[in-house]
Amino acid sequence: MARIGYVEKENAPENVKAVYEQLEKTFGIVPNVLKGMANSTELFMGFMPFLGAALGPSKVDNATKELAILTTSKLNGCTYCAAHHTAAGKRAGLTDEKIDATPDENSPALDDREKAVVRFSKELAQNVAASQESLDELAKHFDEGQIAELNMVNGVFHVLTRFADTFKVELER
């Protein structure tokens, strides 16, 4: 049982209902983690555009984002986020081998570009900041805008994993 209540659509303020309706159109569901976050209407409404930008079309492809998200989710021990992003990773084109490889930046299942993403994401999860060596390795494959984006994608999922795990958010049925 979750340690926080879920704000269901019928009990949500109008601005939250509108977000829920968009989520239902896009994903078919409103994820429980977002229903829990909606307990803080103001922060939820501020967070959603950031989450949408992190997951939306950008300079970094979805498969690469999902490698970063899976690494963060697994290292932070968030089974909820890891389950959701295993499915999202598959939809983005990641193989089971690549998904299973995270967070091992030395896995032979990953190419050099993917290893750099996993290493960077791992350092952010374990040390808060990435090393210069990790940044140098990323720079072989990504421009500064993409590296900044990868950092922010990781950041969004540090928020989500901590929320979901703290409150033991349950997978949707």
N, C-alpha and C. Protein backbone atom coordinates (compact mmCIF):
# COMPACT_ATOMS: atom_id res chain seq x y z
N MET A 1 0.84 -1.18 0.00
CA MET A 1 0.00 0.00 0.00
C MET A 1 0.89 1.25 0.00
N ALA A 2 0.53 2.19 -0.82
CA ALA A 2 1.29 3.42 -0.92
C ALA A 2 1.21 4.20 0.39
N ARG A 3 2.28 4.93 0.67
CA ARG A 3 2.36 5.75 1.89
C ARG A 3 1.78 7.14 1.68
N ILE A 4 1.22 7.38 0.50
CA ILE A 4 0.59 8.66 0.20
C ILE A 4 -0.65 8.37 -0.64
N GLY A 5 -1.67 9.17 -0.45
CA GLY A 5 -2.88 8.97 -1.24
C GLY A 5 -2.68 9.43 -2.68
N TYR A 6 -3.47 8.87 -3.55
CA TYR A 6 -3.46 9.28 -4.95
C TYR A 6 -4.61 10.25 -5.18
N VAL A 7 -4.33 11.33 -5.86
CA VAL A 7 -5.38 12.27 -6.22
C VAL A 7 -6.03 11.74 -7.49
N GLU A 8 -7.23 11.24 -7.35
CA GLU A 8 -7.95 10.69 -8.49
C GLU A 8 -8.61 11.81 -9.27
N LYS A 9 -8.87 11.55 -10.52
CA LYS A 9 -9.40 12.57 -11.44
C LYS A 9 -10.66 13.24 -10.89
N GLU A 10 -11.56 12.44 -10.34
CA GLU A 10 -12.82 13.02 -9.86
C GLU A 10 -12.64 13.95 -8.66
N ASN A 11 -11.51 13.84 -7.97
CA ASN A 11 -11.24 14.70 -6.80
C ASN A 11 -10.19 15.77 -7.08
N ALA A 12 -9.71 15.82 -8.31
CA ALA A 12 -8.62 16.73 -8.65
C ALA A 12 -9.14 18.12 -8.99
N PRO A 13 -8.34 19.14 -8.68
CA PRO A 13 -8.68 20.50 -9.14
C PRO A 13 -8.73 20.54 -10.66
N GLU A 14 -9.41 21.50 -11.22
CA GLU A 14 -9.61 21.58 -12.67
C GLU A 14 -8.29 21.59 -13.44
N ASN A 15 -7.28 22.31 -12.96
CA ASN A 15 -6.01 22.37 -13.69
C ASN A 15 -5.31 21.01 -13.69
N VAL A 16 -5.44 20.26 -12.62
CA VAL A 16 -4.86 18.92 -12.54
C VAL A 16 -5.66 17.96 -13.43
N LYS A 17 -6.98 18.09 -13.44
CA LYS A 17 -7.83 17.27 -14.31
C LYS A 17 -7.40 17.42 -15.77
N ALA A 18 -7.12 18.64 -16.17
CA ALA A 18 -6.71 18.89 -17.55
C ALA A 18 -5.41 18.16 -17.88
N VAL A 19 -4.48 18.13 -16.94
CA VAL A 19 -3.22 17.39 -17.14
C VAL A 19 -3.52 15.90 -17.21
N TYR A 20 -4.35 15.41 -16.32
CA TYR A 20 -4.73 14.00 -16.33
C TYR A 20 -5.34 13.59 -17.67
N GLU A 21 -6.21 14.44 -18.20
CA GLU A 21 -6.85 14.13 -19.48
C GLU A 21 -5.82 14.02 -20.60
N GLN A 22 -4.82 14.90 -20.58
CA GLN A 22 -3.76 14.83 -21.59
C GLN A 22 -2.93 13.55 -21.41
N LEU A 23 -2.63 13.19 -20.18
CA LEU A 23 -1.90 11.96 -19.91
C LEU A 23 -2.68 10.74 -20.38
N GLU A 24 -3.98 10.74 -20.14
CA GLU A 24 -4.82 9.62 -20.58
C GLU A 24 -4.83 9.51 -22.10
N LYS A 25 -4.89 10.65 -22.79
CA LYS A 25 -4.84 10.64 -24.27
C LYS A 25 -3.51 10.10 -24.77
N THR A 26 -2.43 10.51 -24.12
CA THR A 26 -1.09 10.14 -24.58
C THR A 26 -0.71 8.72 -24.18
N PHE A 27 -0.95 8.35 -22.91
CA PHE A 27 -0.46 7.07 -22.38
C PHE A 27 -1.56 6.07 -22.04
N GLY A 28 -2.80 6.51 -22.04
CA GLY A 28 -3.90 5.62 -21.69
C GLY A 28 -4.15 5.53 -20.19
N ILE A 29 -3.25 6.10 -19.39
CA ILE A 29 -3.38 6.08 -17.93
C ILE A 29 -2.78 7.35 -17.35
N VAL A 30 -3.08 7.58 -16.09
CA VAL A 30 -2.36 8.57 -15.30
C VAL A 30 -1.50 7.77 -14.34
N PRO A 31 -0.17 7.82 -14.48
CA PRO A 31 0.69 7.04 -13.60
C PRO A 31 0.48 7.39 -12.12
N ASN A 32 0.51 6.37 -11.29
CA ASN A 32 0.30 6.59 -9.85
C ASN A 32 1.28 7.56 -9.24
N VAL A 33 2.51 7.58 -9.71
CA VAL A 33 3.48 8.52 -9.15
C VAL A 33 3.01 9.96 -9.35
N LEU A 34 2.41 10.23 -10.49
CA LEU A 34 1.91 11.58 -10.75
C LEU A 34 0.66 11.87 -9.93
N LYS A 35 -0.17 10.85 -9.70
CA LYS A 35 -1.34 11.02 -8.83
C LYS A 35 -0.90 11.35 -7.41
N GLY A 36 0.21 10.75 -6.98
CA GLY A 36 0.74 11.07 -5.66
C GLY A 36 1.30 12.48 -5.61
N MET A 37 2.04 12.85 -6.65
CA MET A 37 2.62 14.20 -6.71
C MET A 37 1.54 15.28 -6.74
N ALA A 38 0.37 14.95 -7.28
CA ALA A 38 -0.71 15.92 -7.40
C ALA A 38 -1.24 16.37 -6.04
N ASN A 39 -0.82 15.72 -4.95
CA ASN A 39 -1.18 16.21 -3.62
C ASN A 39 -0.64 17.61 -3.39
N SER A 40 0.43 17.96 -4.06
CA SER A 40 0.97 19.32 -4.03
C SER A 40 0.67 19.95 -5.39
N THR A 41 -0.51 20.51 -5.52
CA THR A 41 -0.99 21.02 -6.80
C THR A 41 -0.01 21.98 -7.46
N GLU A 42 0.50 22.92 -6.70
CA GLU A 42 1.38 23.94 -7.27
C GLU A 42 2.67 23.33 -7.81
N LEU A 43 3.31 22.46 -7.04
CA LEU A 43 4.55 21.84 -7.50
C LEU A 43 4.29 20.85 -8.62
N PHE A 44 3.18 20.13 -8.56
CA PHE A 44 2.80 19.22 -9.64
C PHE A 44 2.65 20.00 -10.95
N MET A 45 1.94 21.11 -10.90
CA MET A 45 1.71 21.91 -12.11
C MET A 45 3.02 22.50 -12.63
N GLY A 46 3.96 22.80 -11.76
CA GLY A 46 5.26 23.28 -12.20
C GLY A 46 6.16 22.16 -12.73
N PHE A 47 6.03 20.99 -12.15
CA PHE A 47 6.88 19.85 -12.51
C PHE A 47 6.49 19.26 -13.87
N MET A 48 5.22 19.23 -14.17
CA MET A 48 4.75 18.54 -15.38
C MET A 48 5.35 19.08 -16.68
N PRO A 49 5.48 20.40 -16.86
CA PRO A 49 6.13 20.86 -18.09
C PRO A 49 7.60 20.43 -18.18
N PHE A 50 8.28 20.37 -17.05
CA PHE A 50 9.68 19.92 -17.02
C PHE A 50 9.76 18.45 -17.39
N LEU A 51 8.88 17.63 -16.82
CA LEU A 51 8.84 16.21 -17.15
C LEU A 51 8.51 16.02 -18.63
N GLY A 52 7.55 16.77 -19.13
CA GLY A 52 7.18 16.67 -20.53
C GLY A 52 8.32 17.05 -21.46
N ALA A 53 9.07 18.08 -21.09
CA ALA A 53 10.23 18.48 -21.90
C ALA A 53 11.31 17.42 -21.84
N ALA A 54 11.51 16.83 -20.68
CA ALA A 54 12.55 15.80 -20.53
C ALA A 54 12.23 14.56 -21.36
N LEU A 55 10.97 14.20 -21.45
CA LEU A 55 10.58 12.99 -22.16
C LEU A 55 10.18 13.25 -23.61
N GLY A 56 10.00 14.50 -23.97
CA GLY A 56 9.54 14.85 -25.30
C GLY A 56 10.64 14.89 -26.34
N PRO A 57 10.27 15.21 -27.57
CA PRO A 57 11.25 15.31 -28.65
C PRO A 57 12.31 16.36 -28.33
N SER A 58 13.55 16.02 -28.62
CA SER A 58 14.65 16.93 -28.29
C SER A 58 15.89 16.53 -29.07
N LYS A 59 17.01 17.08 -28.66
CA LYS A 59 18.28 16.79 -29.33
C LYS A 59 18.83 15.41 -28.98
N VAL A 60 18.30 14.79 -27.95
CA VAL A 60 18.74 13.45 -27.53
C VAL A 60 17.61 12.46 -27.86
N ASP A 61 17.95 11.38 -28.52
CA ASP A 61 16.95 10.40 -28.91
C ASP A 61 16.39 9.67 -27.69
N ASN A 62 15.18 9.13 -27.86
CA ASN A 62 14.48 8.49 -26.74
C ASN A 62 15.22 7.28 -26.18
N ALA A 63 15.85 6.47 -27.02
CA ALA A 63 16.56 5.29 -26.52
C ALA A 63 17.69 5.71 -25.58
N THR A 64 18.39 6.77 -25.93
CA THR A 64 19.49 7.26 -25.09
C THR A 64 18.95 7.79 -23.77
N LYS A 65 17.85 8.54 -23.83
CA LYS A 65 17.23 9.02 -22.59
C LYS A 65 16.83 7.85 -21.71
N GLU A 66 16.27 6.80 -22.33
CA GLU A 66 15.82 5.65 -21.54
C GLU A 66 16.99 4.92 -20.89
N LEU A 67 18.14 4.86 -21.54
CA LEU A 67 19.34 4.28 -20.89
C LEU A 67 19.69 5.07 -19.63
N ALA A 68 19.65 6.40 -19.75
CA ALA A 68 19.95 7.24 -18.59
C ALA A 68 18.91 7.05 -17.49
N ILE A 69 17.64 7.02 -17.87
CA ILE A 69 16.56 6.87 -16.89
C ILE A 69 16.62 5.51 -16.21
N LEU A 70 16.87 4.46 -16.97
CA LEU A 70 16.97 3.13 -16.38
C LEU A 70 18.14 3.03 -15.42
N THR A 71 19.26 3.62 -15.79
CA THR A 71 20.43 3.61 -14.90
C THR A 71 20.08 4.31 -13.59
N THR A 72 19.49 5.49 -13.69
CA THR A 72 19.10 6.25 -12.50
C THR A 72 18.09 5.47 -11.66
N SER A 73 17.08 4.93 -12.31
CA SER A 73 16.02 4.21 -11.59
C SER A 73 16.57 3.00 -10.85
N LYS A 74 17.41 2.24 -11.53
CA LYS A 74 17.97 1.03 -10.90
C LYS A 74 18.90 1.40 -9.74
N LEU A 75 19.77 2.37 -9.95
CA LEU A 75 20.70 2.74 -8.89
C LEU A 75 19.99 3.35 -7.68
N ASN A 76 18.89 4.04 -7.93
CA ASN A 76 18.13 4.62 -6.82
C ASN A 76 17.16 3.61 -6.21
N GLY A 77 17.15 2.38 -6.74
CA GLY A 77 16.34 1.33 -6.16
C GLY A 77 14.85 1.49 -6.39
N CYS A 78 14.47 2.19 -7.43
CA CYS A 78 13.05 2.45 -7.67
C CYS A 78 12.48 1.42 -8.64
N THR A 79 11.86 0.39 -8.10
CA THR A 79 11.30 -0.66 -8.95
C THR A 79 10.14 -0.12 -9.79
N TYR A 80 9.39 0.84 -9.26
CA TYR A 80 8.28 1.44 -10.00
C TYR A 80 8.80 2.09 -11.28
N CYS A 81 9.80 2.97 -11.15
CA CYS A 81 10.34 3.67 -12.33
C CYS A 81 11.05 2.70 -13.26
N ALA A 82 11.78 1.75 -12.71
CA ALA A 82 12.48 0.77 -13.55
C ALA A 82 11.48 -0.04 -14.37
N ALA A 83 10.35 -0.41 -13.78
CA ALA A 83 9.34 -1.17 -14.52
C ALA A 83 8.75 -0.33 -15.65
N HIS A 84 8.39 0.90 -15.35
CA HIS A 84 7.82 1.77 -16.38
C HIS A 84 8.83 2.03 -17.51
N HIS A 85 10.08 2.22 -17.15
CA HIS A 85 11.06 2.60 -18.16
C HIS A 85 11.72 1.41 -18.84
N THR A 86 11.52 0.22 -18.31
CA THR A 86 11.86 -0.97 -19.08
C THR A 86 10.92 -1.05 -20.29
N ALA A 87 9.64 -0.85 -20.04
CA ALA A 87 8.66 -0.85 -21.14
C ALA A 87 8.92 0.31 -22.10
N ALA A 88 9.20 1.49 -21.56
CA ALA A 88 9.46 2.66 -22.42
C ALA A 88 10.74 2.46 -23.23
N GLY A 89 11.74 1.85 -22.62
CA GLY A 89 12.99 1.57 -23.33
C GLY A 89 12.77 0.63 -24.50
N LYS A 90 11.95 -0.38 -24.29
CA LYS A 90 11.62 -1.31 -25.40
C LYS A 90 10.89 -0.57 -26.51
N ARG A 91 9.95 0.30 -26.14
CA ARG A 91 9.23 1.08 -27.16
C ARG A 91 10.19 2.01 -27.91
N ALA A 92 11.25 2.45 -27.24
CA ALA A 92 12.24 3.35 -27.86
C ALA A 92 13.26 2.58 -28.69
N GLY A 93 13.21 1.25 -28.65
CA GLY A 93 14.11 0.45 -29.47
C GLY A 93 15.25 -0.22 -28.73
N LEU A 94 15.29 -0.12 -27.41
CA LEU A 94 16.35 -0.79 -26.66
C LEU A 94 16.07 -2.29 -26.61
N THR A 95 17.11 -3.08 -26.75
CA THR A 95 16.98 -4.53 -26.64
C THR A 95 16.95 -4.93 -25.15
N ASP A 96 16.49 -6.13 -24.89
CA ASP A 96 16.50 -6.64 -23.52
C ASP A 96 17.92 -6.65 -22.97
N GLU A 97 18.89 -6.96 -23.82
CA GLU A 97 20.30 -7.01 -23.38
C GLU A 97 20.79 -5.64 -22.92
N LYS A 98 20.43 -4.61 -23.65
CA LYS A 98 20.83 -3.25 -23.27
C LYS A 98 20.13 -2.81 -21.99
N ILE A 99 18.85 -3.13 -21.88
CA ILE A 99 18.11 -2.79 -20.67
C ILE A 99 18.70 -3.51 -19.47
N ASP A 100 18.98 -4.80 -19.63
CA ASP A 100 19.55 -5.58 -18.53
C ASP A 100 20.96 -5.12 -18.18
N ALA A 101 21.67 -4.54 -19.15
CA ALA A 101 23.05 -4.10 -18.92
C ALA A 101 23.14 -2.93 -17.95
N THR A 102 22.13 -2.08 -17.93
CA THR A 102 22.18 -0.93 -17.03
C THR A 102 22.12 -1.43 -15.60
N PRO A 103 22.89 -0.91 -14.70
CA PRO A 103 23.79 0.24 -14.76
C PRO A 103 25.28 -0.11 -14.94
N ASP A 104 25.58 -1.19 -15.63
CA ASP A 104 26.97 -1.61 -15.83
C ASP A 104 27.55 -0.93 -17.06
N GLU A 105 28.33 0.13 -16.86
CA GLU A 105 28.89 0.88 -17.97
C GLU A 105 29.97 0.12 -18.73
N ASN A 106 30.34 -1.06 -18.26
CA ASN A 106 31.34 -1.88 -18.95
C ASN A 106 30.73 -3.06 -19.69
N SER A 107 29.41 -3.15 -19.71
CA SER A 107 28.75 -4.28 -20.34
C SER A 107 29.04 -4.34 -21.84
N PRO A 108 29.37 -5.53 -22.35
CA PRO A 108 29.58 -5.69 -23.78
C PRO A 108 28.29 -5.50 -24.60
N ALA A 109 27.14 -5.45 -23.95
CA ALA A 109 25.88 -5.22 -24.66
C ALA A 109 25.75 -3.78 -25.12
N LEU A 110 26.58 -2.90 -24.55
CA LEU A 110 26.50 -1.47 -24.86
C LEU A 110 27.64 -1.06 -25.78
N ASP A 111 27.35 -0.14 -26.70
CA ASP A 111 28.42 0.43 -27.52
C ASP A 111 29.09 1.58 -26.74
N ASP A 112 30.14 2.17 -27.29
CA ASP A 112 30.90 3.19 -26.56
C ASP A 112 30.04 4.40 -26.19
N ARG A 113 29.17 4.80 -27.08
CA ARG A 113 28.28 5.94 -26.82
C ARG A 113 27.35 5.62 -25.65
N GLU A 114 26.77 4.44 -25.66
CA GLU A 114 25.86 4.02 -24.59
C GLU A 114 26.60 3.86 -23.27
N LYS A 115 27.81 3.33 -23.33
CA LYS A 115 28.61 3.19 -22.11
C LYS A 115 28.88 4.55 -21.49
N ALA A 116 29.13 5.56 -22.32
CA ALA A 116 29.37 6.91 -21.81
C ALA A 116 28.13 7.46 -21.10
N VAL A 117 26.95 7.19 -21.66
CA VAL A 117 25.69 7.65 -21.05
C VAL A 117 25.46 6.95 -19.72
N VAL A 118 25.66 5.65 -19.70
CA VAL A 118 25.45 4.89 -18.47
C VAL A 118 26.45 5.32 -17.40
N ARG A 119 27.70 5.49 -17.77
CA ARG A 119 28.72 5.93 -16.80
C ARG A 119 28.35 7.30 -16.21
N PHE A 120 28.01 8.24 -17.08
CA PHE A 120 27.62 9.58 -16.65
C PHE A 120 26.43 9.51 -15.69
N SER A 121 25.39 8.77 -16.07
CA SER A 121 24.19 8.64 -15.24
C SER A 121 24.52 7.97 -13.90
N LYS A 122 25.39 6.99 -13.94
CA LYS A 122 25.79 6.29 -12.72
C LYS A 122 26.53 7.24 -11.78
N GLU A 123 27.44 8.03 -12.33
CA GLU A 123 28.18 8.99 -11.48
C GLU A 123 27.24 10.02 -10.87
N LEU A 124 26.26 10.49 -11.63
CA LEU A 124 25.30 11.44 -11.08
C LEU A 124 24.51 10.82 -9.93
N ALA A 125 24.12 9.56 -10.10
CA ALA A 125 23.35 8.88 -9.06
C ALA A 125 24.19 8.61 -7.82
N GLN A 126 25.44 8.24 -8.01
CA GLN A 126 26.27 7.85 -6.87
C GLN A 126 27.03 9.01 -6.24
N ASN A 127 27.38 10.01 -7.04
CA ASN A 127 28.26 11.07 -6.55
C ASN A 127 27.65 12.46 -6.65
N VAL A 128 26.47 12.60 -7.15
CA VAL A 128 25.78 13.86 -7.41
C VAL A 128 26.36 14.57 -8.64
N ALA A 129 27.66 14.58 -8.79
CA ALA A 129 28.31 15.23 -9.94
C ALA A 129 29.10 14.19 -10.73
N ALA A 130 29.20 14.43 -12.02
CA ALA A 130 29.99 13.55 -12.88
C ALA A 130 31.44 14.02 -12.92
N SER A 131 32.33 13.08 -13.14
CA SER A 131 33.76 13.40 -13.23
C SER A 131 34.10 14.06 -14.56
N GLN A 132 35.24 14.72 -14.60
CA GLN A 132 35.71 15.31 -15.85
C GLN A 132 35.92 14.22 -16.90
N GLU A 133 36.41 13.07 -16.47
CA GLU A 133 36.63 11.96 -17.41
C GLU A 133 35.31 11.51 -18.04
N SER A 134 34.27 11.46 -17.25
CA SER A 134 32.96 11.08 -17.75
C SER A 134 32.43 12.12 -18.74
N LEU A 135 32.60 13.38 -18.41
CA LEU A 135 32.19 14.46 -19.32
C LEU A 135 32.99 14.42 -20.62
N ASP A 136 34.29 14.16 -20.51
CA ASP A 136 35.13 14.06 -21.71
C ASP A 136 34.68 12.92 -22.61
N GLU A 137 34.29 11.81 -22.00
CA GLU A 137 33.82 10.65 -22.78
C GLU A 137 32.49 10.98 -23.47
N LEU A 138 31.60 11.65 -22.76
CA LEU A 138 30.34 12.06 -23.37
C LEU A 138 30.57 13.00 -24.54
N ALA A 139 31.54 13.91 -24.39
CA ALA A 139 31.83 14.90 -25.43
C ALA A 139 32.30 14.27 -26.74
N LYS A 140 32.73 13.04 -26.70
CA LYS A 140 33.10 12.33 -27.93
C LYS A 140 31.87 11.98 -28.77
N HIS A 141 30.70 11.97 -28.13
CA HIS A 141 29.48 11.49 -28.77
C HIS A 141 28.35 12.53 -28.81
N PHE A 142 28.43 13.54 -27.95
CA PHE A 142 27.34 14.51 -27.80
C PHE A 142 27.89 15.92 -27.75
N ASP A 143 27.07 16.90 -28.19
CA ASP A 143 27.46 18.30 -28.04
C ASP A 143 27.04 18.80 -26.65
N GLU A 144 27.42 20.02 -26.32
CA GLU A 144 27.15 20.54 -24.97
C GLU A 144 25.65 20.61 -24.66
N GLY A 145 24.85 20.95 -25.67
CA GLY A 145 23.40 20.99 -25.44
C GLY A 145 22.85 19.62 -25.08
N GLN A 146 23.33 18.59 -25.75
CA GLN A 146 22.87 17.23 -25.46
C GLN A 146 23.36 16.77 -24.09
N ILE A 147 24.58 17.15 -23.73
CA ILE A 147 25.10 16.77 -22.42
C ILE A 147 24.30 17.46 -21.31
N ALA A 148 23.99 18.73 -21.50
CA ALA A 148 23.16 19.44 -20.53
C ALA A 148 21.79 18.77 -20.41
N GLU A 149 21.25 18.38 -21.55
CA GLU A 149 19.95 17.71 -21.56
C GLU A 149 20.00 16.39 -20.80
N LEU A 150 21.02 15.59 -21.04
CA LEU A 150 21.16 14.32 -20.33
C LEU A 150 21.25 14.54 -18.82
N ASN A 151 21.93 15.59 -18.41
CA ASN A 151 22.02 15.90 -16.99
C ASN A 151 20.63 16.23 -16.43
N MET A 152 19.85 17.01 -17.17
CA MET A 152 18.52 17.38 -16.69
C MET A 152 17.56 16.20 -16.72
N VAL A 153 17.67 15.32 -17.72
CA VAL A 153 16.83 14.12 -17.75
C VAL A 153 17.12 13.28 -16.51
N ASN A 154 18.39 13.11 -16.21
CA ASN A 154 18.74 12.39 -14.98
C ASN A 154 18.13 13.07 -13.77
N GLY A 155 18.22 14.39 -13.71
CA GLY A 155 17.68 15.14 -12.57
C GLY A 155 16.20 14.93 -12.37
N VAL A 156 15.44 14.97 -13.45
CA VAL A 156 14.00 14.73 -13.37
C VAL A 156 13.73 13.37 -12.73
N PHE A 157 14.53 12.38 -13.12
CA PHE A 157 14.28 11.04 -12.60
C PHE A 157 14.86 10.83 -11.20
N HIS A 158 15.76 11.67 -10.77
CA HIS A 158 16.13 11.62 -9.35
C HIS A 158 14.95 12.09 -8.52
N VAL A 159 14.22 13.09 -8.99
CA VAL A 159 13.02 13.54 -8.28
C VAL A 159 11.98 12.43 -8.28
N LEU A 160 11.68 11.88 -9.45
CA LEU A 160 10.63 10.86 -9.55
C LEU A 160 10.97 9.60 -8.76
N THR A 161 12.21 9.12 -8.86
CA THR A 161 12.56 7.89 -8.14
C THR A 161 12.48 8.09 -6.63
N ARG A 162 12.91 9.22 -6.17
CA ARG A 162 12.86 9.48 -4.72
C ARG A 162 11.41 9.60 -4.24
N PHE A 163 10.58 10.23 -5.03
CA PHE A 163 9.17 10.34 -4.67
C PHE A 163 8.52 8.96 -4.66
N ALA A 164 8.67 8.22 -5.75
CA ALA A 164 8.02 6.92 -5.87
C ALA A 164 8.50 5.95 -4.81
N ASP A 165 9.79 5.94 -4.53
CA ASP A 165 10.31 4.99 -3.56
C ASP A 165 9.99 5.40 -2.13
N THR A 166 10.07 6.67 -1.82
CA THR A 166 9.73 7.14 -0.47
C THR A 166 8.30 6.77 -0.11
N PHE A 167 7.39 6.97 -1.07
CA PHE A 167 5.98 6.73 -0.80
C PHE A 167 5.49 5.36 -1.25
N LYS A 168 6.43 4.48 -1.67
CA LYS A 168 6.09 3.11 -2.07
C LYS A 168 4.92 3.09 -3.05
N VAL A 169 5.04 3.94 -4.08
CA VAL A 169 4.01 4.04 -5.09
C VAL A 169 3.86 2.68 -5.79
N GLU A 170 2.64 2.27 -5.99
CA GLU A 170 2.34 0.95 -6.56
C GLU A 170 2.22 1.04 -8.08
N LEU A 171 2.68 -0.02 -8.74
CA LEU A 171 2.48 -0.12 -10.19
C LEU A 171 0.98 -0.15 -10.50
N GLU A 172 0.62 0.46 -11.59
CA GLU A 172 -0.77 0.45 -12.01
C GLU A 172 -1.16 -0.96 -12.45
N ARG A 173 -2.40 -1.28 -12.29
CA ARG A 173 -2.88 -2.61 -12.69
C ARG A 173 -3.60 -2.55 -14.00
